[in-house]
Amino acid sequence: MRGYNISIGDDCFMNCDCIILDDNEVSIGKNCWFGPICLLITGTHPTNYKERRNIKTCSMAKPIHIGNDCFFGAASIILPGVTIGNNVVVGAGSVVTKDVPSNTVVCGNPARPIKQLDPYVEDEKEE
């Protein structure tokens, strides 16, 4: 059943055509924004062709964890097993294949850090 493994924090926004494949846990913190056509994919398959031939064991799934106050540009792809910290920006069209620490901007395919952001303060009040 789709949707069973998803938890989304308060005040999140997903633009049109976003897809979450939740064969494993997907947790999204609060205040996260997703541009159009973003993909969060937990399912994967073995790289060995012989292992892929066995339909009963060829599917695997790894969780995705996303912190608070993250922004994902259009057509971002988050792959299985990735953990993303707080206050992360993922550039449009980027493919995130590895964990991303808090306060980081990543871009590209595969996504790489390009900038550090000011430290995240969870209960920061707006002025």
N, C-alpha and C. Protein backbone atom coordinates (compact mmCIF):
# COMPACT_ATOMS: atom_id res chain seq x y z
N MET A 1 0.83 -1.17 0.00
CA MET A 1 0.00 0.00 0.00
C MET A 1 0.88 1.25 0.00
N ARG A 2 0.69 2.11 -0.93
CA ARG A 2 1.46 3.35 -1.02
C ARG A 2 0.96 4.37 0.01
N GLY A 3 1.87 5.16 0.53
CA GLY A 3 1.52 6.19 1.49
C GLY A 3 1.65 5.75 2.93
N TYR A 4 1.78 4.47 3.17
CA TYR A 4 1.84 3.94 4.53
C TYR A 4 3.14 4.31 5.24
N ASN A 5 4.24 4.42 4.53
CA ASN A 5 5.55 4.65 5.13
C ASN A 5 6.00 6.10 5.09
N ILE A 6 5.09 7.03 4.89
CA ILE A 6 5.46 8.45 4.74
C ILE A 6 5.04 9.23 5.98
N SER A 7 5.96 10.04 6.50
CA SER A 7 5.60 11.02 7.54
C SER A 7 6.12 12.38 7.09
N ILE A 8 5.25 13.38 7.18
CA ILE A 8 5.58 14.73 6.72
C ILE A 8 5.26 15.71 7.84
N GLY A 9 6.23 16.57 8.17
CA GLY A 9 6.05 17.57 9.22
C GLY A 9 5.13 18.70 8.80
N ASP A 10 4.87 19.58 9.73
CA ASP A 10 3.99 20.73 9.49
C ASP A 10 4.56 21.69 8.46
N ASP A 11 3.66 22.37 7.77
CA ASP A 11 3.98 23.48 6.87
C ASP A 11 4.91 23.10 5.72
N CYS A 12 4.77 21.90 5.20
CA CYS A 12 5.52 21.47 4.02
C CYS A 12 4.71 21.77 2.76
N PHE A 13 5.39 21.87 1.65
CA PHE A 13 4.73 22.15 0.37
C PHE A 13 5.36 21.28 -0.70
N MET A 14 4.51 20.58 -1.46
CA MET A 14 4.97 19.80 -2.60
C MET A 14 4.28 20.32 -3.84
N ASN A 15 5.04 20.74 -4.82
CA ASN A 15 4.49 21.26 -6.05
C ASN A 15 3.96 20.11 -6.90
N CYS A 16 3.47 20.42 -8.07
CA CYS A 16 2.83 19.41 -8.91
C CYS A 16 3.81 18.33 -9.36
N ASP A 17 3.27 17.14 -9.56
CA ASP A 17 3.98 15.98 -10.12
C ASP A 17 5.13 15.46 -9.27
N CYS A 18 5.14 15.74 -7.98
CA CYS A 18 6.14 15.12 -7.10
C CYS A 18 5.72 13.68 -6.84
N ILE A 19 6.70 12.80 -6.72
CA ILE A 19 6.43 11.39 -6.49
C ILE A 19 7.26 10.89 -5.32
N ILE A 20 6.60 10.18 -4.40
CA ILE A 20 7.29 9.53 -3.29
C ILE A 20 7.02 8.04 -3.40
N LEU A 21 8.06 7.25 -3.67
CA LEU A 21 7.94 5.79 -3.68
C LEU A 21 8.38 5.31 -2.31
N ASP A 22 7.42 4.87 -1.51
CA ASP A 22 7.67 4.58 -0.10
C ASP A 22 7.68 3.09 0.21
N ASP A 23 8.51 2.34 -0.50
CA ASP A 23 8.69 0.93 -0.17
C ASP A 23 9.40 0.76 1.16
N ASN A 24 9.99 1.85 1.66
CA ASN A 24 10.59 1.90 2.98
C ASN A 24 10.20 3.25 3.57
N GLU A 25 10.64 3.53 4.77
CA GLU A 25 10.27 4.77 5.46
C GLU A 25 10.76 6.01 4.72
N VAL A 26 9.88 7.00 4.62
CA VAL A 26 10.24 8.33 4.14
C VAL A 26 9.78 9.32 5.21
N SER A 27 10.73 10.02 5.82
CA SER A 27 10.37 11.02 6.83
C SER A 27 10.85 12.39 6.35
N ILE A 28 9.95 13.35 6.41
CA ILE A 28 10.23 14.71 5.97
C ILE A 28 9.92 15.62 7.15
N GLY A 29 10.88 16.46 7.52
CA GLY A 29 10.70 17.37 8.64
C GLY A 29 9.73 18.49 8.30
N LYS A 30 9.66 19.47 9.18
CA LYS A 30 8.73 20.58 8.98
C LYS A 30 9.34 21.66 8.07
N ASN A 31 8.46 22.44 7.46
CA ASN A 31 8.85 23.59 6.62
C ASN A 31 9.72 23.20 5.44
N CYS A 32 9.48 22.06 4.84
CA CYS A 32 10.23 21.65 3.65
C CYS A 32 9.42 21.96 2.40
N TRP A 33 10.09 22.48 1.38
CA TRP A 33 9.43 22.84 0.12
C TRP A 33 10.05 22.03 -1.01
N PHE A 34 9.18 21.53 -1.87
CA PHE A 34 9.61 20.74 -3.02
C PHE A 34 9.08 21.39 -4.29
N GLY A 35 9.97 21.67 -5.24
CA GLY A 35 9.56 22.19 -6.53
C GLY A 35 8.87 21.11 -7.34
N PRO A 36 8.39 21.46 -8.53
CA PRO A 36 7.69 20.47 -9.34
C PRO A 36 8.59 19.31 -9.76
N ILE A 37 7.99 18.16 -9.92
CA ILE A 37 8.60 16.95 -10.47
C ILE A 37 9.74 16.40 -9.61
N CYS A 38 9.70 16.64 -8.30
CA CYS A 38 10.71 16.05 -7.42
C CYS A 38 10.38 14.58 -7.18
N LEU A 39 11.42 13.75 -7.04
CA LEU A 39 11.25 12.32 -6.81
C LEU A 39 11.99 11.90 -5.55
N LEU A 40 11.31 11.17 -4.69
CA LEU A 40 11.92 10.54 -3.52
C LEU A 40 11.71 9.05 -3.71
N ILE A 41 12.80 8.32 -3.92
CA ILE A 41 12.72 6.93 -4.34
C ILE A 41 13.42 6.04 -3.32
N THR A 42 12.67 5.15 -2.65
CA THR A 42 13.29 4.24 -1.68
C THR A 42 13.65 2.90 -2.28
N GLY A 43 13.02 2.53 -3.38
CA GLY A 43 13.25 1.22 -3.98
C GLY A 43 14.50 1.18 -4.84
N THR A 44 15.15 0.04 -4.83
CA THR A 44 16.35 -0.16 -5.66
C THR A 44 16.45 -1.65 -5.99
N HIS A 45 17.42 -1.99 -6.80
CA HIS A 45 17.63 -3.38 -7.22
C HIS A 45 19.13 -3.69 -7.21
N PRO A 46 19.48 -4.97 -7.13
CA PRO A 46 20.89 -5.35 -7.14
C PRO A 46 21.58 -4.93 -8.44
N THR A 47 22.86 -4.64 -8.37
CA THR A 47 23.61 -4.32 -9.58
C THR A 47 24.03 -5.59 -10.32
N ASN A 48 24.04 -6.72 -9.63
CA ASN A 48 24.42 -7.99 -10.25
C ASN A 48 23.24 -8.55 -11.04
N TYR A 49 23.44 -8.79 -12.32
CA TYR A 49 22.34 -9.24 -13.17
C TYR A 49 21.75 -10.59 -12.74
N LYS A 50 22.58 -11.46 -12.18
CA LYS A 50 22.08 -12.77 -11.74
C LYS A 50 21.12 -12.61 -10.56
N GLU A 51 21.42 -11.67 -9.68
CA GLU A 51 20.54 -11.41 -8.54
C GLU A 51 19.22 -10.78 -9.00
N ARG A 52 19.27 -9.97 -10.05
CA ARG A 52 18.05 -9.34 -10.56
C ARG A 52 17.11 -10.34 -11.22
N ARG A 53 17.62 -11.48 -11.63
CA ARG A 53 16.78 -12.48 -12.30
C ARG A 53 15.77 -13.14 -11.36
N ASN A 54 16.04 -13.14 -10.07
CA ASN A 54 15.14 -13.74 -9.08
C ASN A 54 14.12 -12.69 -8.64
N ILE A 55 12.94 -12.76 -9.19
CA ILE A 55 11.91 -11.76 -8.93
C ILE A 55 11.54 -11.65 -7.46
N LYS A 56 11.72 -12.74 -6.69
CA LYS A 56 11.35 -12.73 -5.28
C LYS A 56 12.35 -11.99 -4.41
N THR A 57 13.59 -11.90 -4.84
CA THR A 57 14.61 -11.27 -4.00
C THR A 57 15.28 -10.08 -4.66
N CYS A 58 14.84 -9.68 -5.84
CA CYS A 58 15.58 -8.63 -6.54
C CYS A 58 15.22 -7.23 -6.09
N SER A 59 14.13 -7.06 -5.37
CA SER A 59 13.75 -5.71 -4.92
C SER A 59 14.27 -5.46 -3.51
N MET A 60 14.80 -4.27 -3.32
CA MET A 60 15.27 -3.83 -2.01
C MET A 60 14.75 -2.42 -1.80
N ALA A 61 14.73 -1.98 -0.58
CA ALA A 61 14.32 -0.61 -0.30
C ALA A 61 15.12 -0.08 0.89
N LYS A 62 15.50 1.18 0.79
CA LYS A 62 16.25 1.84 1.85
C LYS A 62 15.52 3.13 2.21
N PRO A 63 15.54 3.53 3.49
CA PRO A 63 14.78 4.70 3.92
C PRO A 63 15.39 6.02 3.43
N ILE A 64 14.56 7.04 3.43
CA ILE A 64 14.99 8.42 3.15
C ILE A 64 14.56 9.26 4.34
N HIS A 65 15.48 10.05 4.89
CA HIS A 65 15.19 10.94 6.02
C HIS A 65 15.60 12.36 5.64
N ILE A 66 14.67 13.29 5.81
CA ILE A 66 14.91 14.70 5.47
C ILE A 66 14.62 15.54 6.70
N GLY A 67 15.53 16.43 7.06
CA GLY A 67 15.38 17.28 8.23
C GLY A 67 14.39 18.42 8.00
N ASN A 68 14.48 19.44 8.83
CA ASN A 68 13.59 20.60 8.77
C ASN A 68 14.14 21.69 7.85
N ASP A 69 13.22 22.51 7.33
CA ASP A 69 13.57 23.72 6.59
C ASP A 69 14.46 23.47 5.38
N CYS A 70 14.15 22.45 4.61
CA CYS A 70 14.90 22.14 3.39
C CYS A 70 14.13 22.62 2.16
N PHE A 71 14.86 22.92 1.11
CA PHE A 71 14.26 23.33 -0.16
C PHE A 71 14.83 22.47 -1.28
N PHE A 72 13.96 21.94 -2.13
CA PHE A 72 14.35 21.07 -3.23
C PHE A 72 13.91 21.72 -4.53
N GLY A 73 14.87 22.08 -5.38
CA GLY A 73 14.55 22.68 -6.66
C GLY A 73 13.84 21.70 -7.57
N ALA A 74 13.25 22.22 -8.64
CA ALA A 74 12.49 21.41 -9.58
C ALA A 74 13.29 20.21 -10.07
N ALA A 75 12.61 19.09 -10.19
CA ALA A 75 13.18 17.86 -10.74
C ALA A 75 14.35 17.30 -9.95
N SER A 76 14.42 17.60 -8.65
CA SER A 76 15.42 16.99 -7.78
C SER A 76 15.06 15.52 -7.58
N ILE A 77 16.08 14.69 -7.45
CA ILE A 77 15.87 13.27 -7.22
C ILE A 77 16.66 12.86 -5.97
N ILE A 78 15.96 12.25 -5.01
CA ILE A 78 16.60 11.76 -3.80
C ILE A 78 16.56 10.23 -3.87
N LEU A 79 17.72 9.60 -3.85
CA LEU A 79 17.82 8.16 -4.04
C LEU A 79 17.76 7.39 -2.71
N PRO A 80 17.58 6.07 -2.77
CA PRO A 80 17.42 5.25 -1.57
C PRO A 80 18.57 5.37 -0.58
N GLY A 81 18.22 5.38 0.71
CA GLY A 81 19.21 5.35 1.77
C GLY A 81 19.81 6.69 2.13
N VAL A 82 19.32 7.79 1.56
CA VAL A 82 19.90 9.11 1.79
C VAL A 82 19.27 9.77 3.02
N THR A 83 20.12 10.40 3.82
CA THR A 83 19.69 11.23 4.94
C THR A 83 20.14 12.66 4.65
N ILE A 84 19.20 13.59 4.77
CA ILE A 84 19.47 15.00 4.50
C ILE A 84 19.23 15.76 5.80
N GLY A 85 20.19 16.58 6.19
CA GLY A 85 20.10 17.33 7.43
C GLY A 85 19.12 18.49 7.36
N ASN A 86 19.18 19.37 8.36
CA ASN A 86 18.34 20.57 8.41
C ASN A 86 18.93 21.67 7.53
N ASN A 87 18.04 22.55 7.03
CA ASN A 87 18.48 23.73 6.29
C ASN A 87 19.37 23.37 5.10
N VAL A 88 18.89 22.44 4.29
CA VAL A 88 19.62 22.01 3.09
C VAL A 88 18.88 22.52 1.87
N VAL A 89 19.63 22.97 0.87
CA VAL A 89 19.07 23.37 -0.41
C VAL A 89 19.64 22.43 -1.48
N VAL A 90 18.73 21.83 -2.26
CA VAL A 90 19.13 20.94 -3.35
C VAL A 90 18.77 21.65 -4.65
N GLY A 91 19.77 21.90 -5.48
CA GLY A 91 19.55 22.62 -6.72
C GLY A 91 18.68 21.85 -7.70
N ALA A 92 18.00 22.59 -8.56
CA ALA A 92 17.12 22.00 -9.56
C ALA A 92 17.87 20.97 -10.40
N GLY A 93 17.24 19.83 -10.65
CA GLY A 93 17.81 18.79 -11.49
C GLY A 93 18.90 17.96 -10.84
N SER A 94 19.14 18.18 -9.57
CA SER A 94 20.21 17.44 -8.88
C SER A 94 19.77 16.03 -8.51
N VAL A 95 20.75 15.12 -8.46
CA VAL A 95 20.50 13.73 -8.06
C VAL A 95 21.31 13.49 -6.79
N VAL A 96 20.60 13.34 -5.67
CA VAL A 96 21.27 13.17 -4.38
C VAL A 96 21.47 11.68 -4.13
N THR A 97 22.73 11.26 -4.14
CA THR A 97 23.08 9.85 -4.00
C THR A 97 23.69 9.52 -2.63
N LYS A 98 24.10 10.57 -1.88
CA LYS A 98 24.76 10.37 -0.59
C LYS A 98 24.17 11.33 0.43
N ASP A 99 24.41 11.05 1.71
CA ASP A 99 23.93 11.91 2.78
C ASP A 99 24.42 13.34 2.60
N VAL A 100 23.57 14.29 3.04
CA VAL A 100 23.91 15.71 2.96
C VAL A 100 23.85 16.28 4.37
N PRO A 101 24.95 16.88 4.86
CA PRO A 101 24.92 17.46 6.21
C PRO A 101 24.09 18.74 6.25
N SER A 102 23.64 19.10 7.44
CA SER A 102 22.88 20.33 7.63
C SER A 102 23.62 21.54 7.09
N ASN A 103 22.85 22.56 6.73
CA ASN A 103 23.38 23.86 6.31
C ASN A 103 24.25 23.79 5.06
N THR A 104 23.81 23.00 4.09
CA THR A 104 24.60 22.79 2.88
C THR A 104 23.74 22.99 1.65
N VAL A 105 24.32 23.59 0.61
CA VAL A 105 23.70 23.65 -0.71
C VAL A 105 24.41 22.62 -1.57
N VAL A 106 23.63 21.74 -2.21
CA VAL A 106 24.20 20.74 -3.12
C VAL A 106 23.57 20.89 -4.50
N CYS A 107 24.35 20.62 -5.52
CA CYS A 107 23.87 20.70 -6.90
C CYS A 107 24.61 19.67 -7.75
N GLY A 108 23.97 19.27 -8.84
CA GLY A 108 24.62 18.43 -9.84
C GLY A 108 24.17 16.99 -9.82
N ASN A 109 24.80 16.21 -10.71
CA ASN A 109 24.52 14.79 -10.84
C ASN A 109 25.85 14.05 -10.97
N PRO A 110 26.28 13.42 -9.87
CA PRO A 110 25.65 13.37 -8.56
C PRO A 110 25.80 14.70 -7.83
N ALA A 111 24.87 14.97 -6.90
CA ALA A 111 24.89 16.23 -6.15
C ALA A 111 26.15 16.32 -5.31
N ARG A 112 26.75 17.51 -5.35
CA ARG A 112 27.96 17.78 -4.56
C ARG A 112 27.79 19.09 -3.81
N PRO A 113 28.42 19.22 -2.64
CA PRO A 113 28.31 20.48 -1.89
C PRO A 113 28.94 21.62 -2.67
N ILE A 114 28.24 22.76 -2.71
CA ILE A 114 28.80 23.94 -3.37
C ILE A 114 28.87 25.15 -2.45
N LYS A 115 28.15 25.09 -1.32
CA LYS A 115 28.12 26.24 -0.43
C LYS A 115 27.65 25.81 0.95
N GLN A 116 28.20 26.45 1.98
CA GLN A 116 27.72 26.26 3.35
C GLN A 116 26.81 27.43 3.70
N LEU A 117 25.73 27.14 4.42
CA LEU A 117 24.77 28.15 4.84
C LEU A 117 24.98 28.49 6.31
N ASP A 118 24.37 29.60 6.74
CA ASP A 118 24.43 29.96 8.15
C ASP A 118 23.87 28.81 8.99
N PRO A 119 24.39 28.61 10.19
CA PRO A 119 23.92 27.51 11.04
C PRO A 119 22.43 27.56 11.27
N TYR A 120 21.83 26.40 11.33
CA TYR A 120 20.39 26.25 11.53
C TYR A 120 20.06 26.44 12.99
N VAL A 121 19.02 27.25 13.25
CA VAL A 121 18.51 27.43 14.59
C VAL A 121 17.05 27.03 14.57
N GLU A 122 16.70 25.94 15.24
CA GLU A 122 15.37 25.36 15.11
C GLU A 122 14.24 26.29 15.52
N ASP A 123 14.36 27.00 16.61
CA ASP A 123 13.25 27.83 17.10
C ASP A 123 13.46 29.30 16.79
N GLU A 124 14.15 29.62 15.73
CA GLU A 124 14.41 31.01 15.37
C GLU A 124 13.09 31.73 15.10
N LYS A 125 12.91 32.88 15.72
CA LYS A 125 11.69 33.69 15.55
C LYS A 125 11.87 34.62 14.36
N GLU A 126 10.78 34.78 13.58
CA GLU A 126 10.81 35.73 12.46
C GLU A 126 10.69 37.13 13.01
N GLU A 127 11.40 38.08 12.41
CA GLU A 127 11.31 39.47 12.87
C GLU A 127 10.40 40.27 11.99
